[in-house]
Amino acid sequence: MPEQAYHPYTVIIIVTVNNKSMGVIVDSVSDVIFIDKKHIQPVDLFASSTNTKYIHGIVF
């Protein structure tokens, strides 16, 4: 993909991996929601054919 110039609407998502925070620049975001940790389900409820190595949990 070609490099894109930053602009006032550039979206950066902050993620934490192994207790380290980092910013990930993405093309766009359609919605932002806040979820209480008690609603996050373990990944074993996810489809077994999906690689869940980098998924901490899911919300239905």
C-alpha atoms as a PDB file:
ATOM      1  CA  MET A   1       0.000   0.000   0.000  1.00  0.00           C
ATOM      2  CA  PRO A   2       1.300   3.461  -0.751  1.00  0.00           C
ATOM      3  CA  GLU A   3       2.221   5.749   2.130  1.00  0.00           C
ATOM      4  CA  GLN A   4      -0.471   8.268   3.038  1.00  0.00           C
ATOM      5  CA  ALA A   5       0.116  11.774   4.356  1.00  0.00           C
ATOM      6  CA  TYR A   6      -1.129  12.577   7.872  1.00  0.00           C
ATOM      7  CA  HIS A   7      -4.020  15.042   8.124  1.00  0.00           C
ATOM      8  CA  PRO A   8      -6.327  16.405  10.870  1.00  0.00           C
ATOM      9  CA  TYR A   9      -8.528  13.279  10.603  1.00  0.00           C
ATOM     10  CA  THR A  10      -5.725  10.709  10.844  1.00  0.00           C
ATOM     11  CA  VAL A  11      -6.879   7.978  13.250  1.00  0.00           C
ATOM     12  CA  ILE A  12      -4.537   6.457  15.828  1.00  0.00           C
ATOM     13  CA  ILE A  13      -5.727   3.569  18.001  1.00  0.00           C
ATOM     14  CA  ILE A  14      -3.834   3.065  21.257  1.00  0.00           C
ATOM     15  CA  VAL A  15      -3.357  -0.613  22.118  1.00  0.00           C
ATOM     16  CA  THR A  16      -1.562  -2.332  24.974  1.00  0.00           C
ATOM     17  CA  VAL A  17       0.435  -5.490  24.255  1.00  0.00           C
ATOM     18  CA  ASN A  18       2.520  -7.177  26.966  1.00  0.00           C
ATOM     19  CA  ASN A  19       2.105  -4.103  29.210  1.00  0.00           C
ATOM     20  CA  LYS A  20       3.477  -1.795  26.489  1.00  0.00           C
ATOM     21  CA  SER A  21       1.239   0.847  24.893  1.00  0.00           C
ATOM     22  CA  MET A  22       1.615   1.782  21.249  1.00  0.00           C
ATOM     23  CA  GLY A  23      -0.267   3.731  18.619  1.00  0.00           C
ATOM     24  CA  VAL A  24      -1.538   2.029  15.482  1.00  0.00           C
ATOM     25  CA  ILE A  25      -2.480   4.256  12.550  1.00  0.00           C
ATOM     26  CA  VAL A  26      -5.581   2.979  10.756  1.00  0.00           C
ATOM     27  CA  ASP A  27      -7.503   4.043   7.654  1.00  0.00           C
ATOM     28  CA  SER A  28     -10.711   4.825   9.526  1.00  0.00           C
ATOM     29  CA  VAL A  29     -12.889   4.082  12.549  1.00  0.00           C
ATOM     30  CA  SER A  30     -16.639   3.675  12.251  1.00  0.00           C
ATOM     31  CA  ASP A  31     -17.537   3.612  15.955  1.00  0.00           C
ATOM     32  CA  VAL A  32     -15.978   3.730  19.416  1.00  0.00           C
ATOM     33  CA  ILE A  33     -17.535   1.955  22.391  1.00  0.00           C
ATOM     34  CA  PHE A  34     -16.420   1.335  25.949  1.00  0.00           C
ATOM     35  CA  ILE A  35     -16.896  -2.175  27.358  1.00  0.00           C
ATOM     36  CA  ASP A  36     -16.638  -3.204  31.006  1.00  0.00           C
ATOM     37  CA  LYS A  37     -14.098  -6.020  31.435  1.00  0.00           C
ATOM     38  CA  LYS A  38     -16.779  -8.245  32.994  1.00  0.00           C
ATOM     39  CA  HIS A  39     -18.490  -8.454  29.572  1.00  0.00           C
ATOM     40  CA  ILE A  40     -15.387  -9.744  27.738  1.00  0.00           C
ATOM     41  CA  GLN A  41     -15.648 -13.476  27.020  1.00  0.00           C
ATOM     42  CA  PRO A  42     -12.684 -15.871  26.729  1.00  0.00           C
ATOM     43  CA  VAL A  43     -11.516 -16.664  23.201  1.00  0.00           C
ATOM     44  CA  ASP A  44     -12.373 -20.357  23.513  1.00  0.00           C
ATOM     45  CA  LEU A  45     -15.952 -19.309  22.670  1.00  0.00           C
ATOM     46  CA  PHE A  46     -14.672 -18.142  19.271  1.00  0.00           C
ATOM     47  CA  ALA A  47     -14.760 -20.359  16.191  1.00  0.00           C
ATOM     48  CA  SER A  48     -12.072 -23.026  16.483  1.00  0.00           C
ATOM     49  CA  SER A  49     -10.894 -22.486  12.888  1.00  0.00           C
ATOM     50  CA  THR A  50      -9.847 -18.899  13.667  1.00  0.00           C
ATOM     51  CA  ASN A  51      -6.314 -18.115  14.848  1.00  0.00           C
ATOM     52  CA  THR A  52      -6.843 -16.470  18.256  1.00  0.00           C
ATOM     53  CA  LYS A  53      -3.178 -16.005  19.137  1.00  0.00           C
ATOM     54  CA  TYR A  54      -3.539 -12.210  19.320  1.00  0.00           C
ATOM     55  CA  ILE A  55      -7.124 -12.027  20.614  1.00  0.00           C
ATOM     56  CA  HIS A  56      -7.503 -11.436  24.351  1.00  0.00           C
ATOM     57  CA  GLY A  57     -11.298 -11.797  24.420  1.00  0.00           C
ATOM     58  CA  ILE A  58     -14.511 -11.150  22.541  1.00  0.00           C
ATOM     59  CA  VAL A  59     -17.852  -9.453  23.190  1.00  0.00           C
ATOM     60  CA  PHE A  60     -21.111 -10.781  21.784  1.00  0.00           C
END
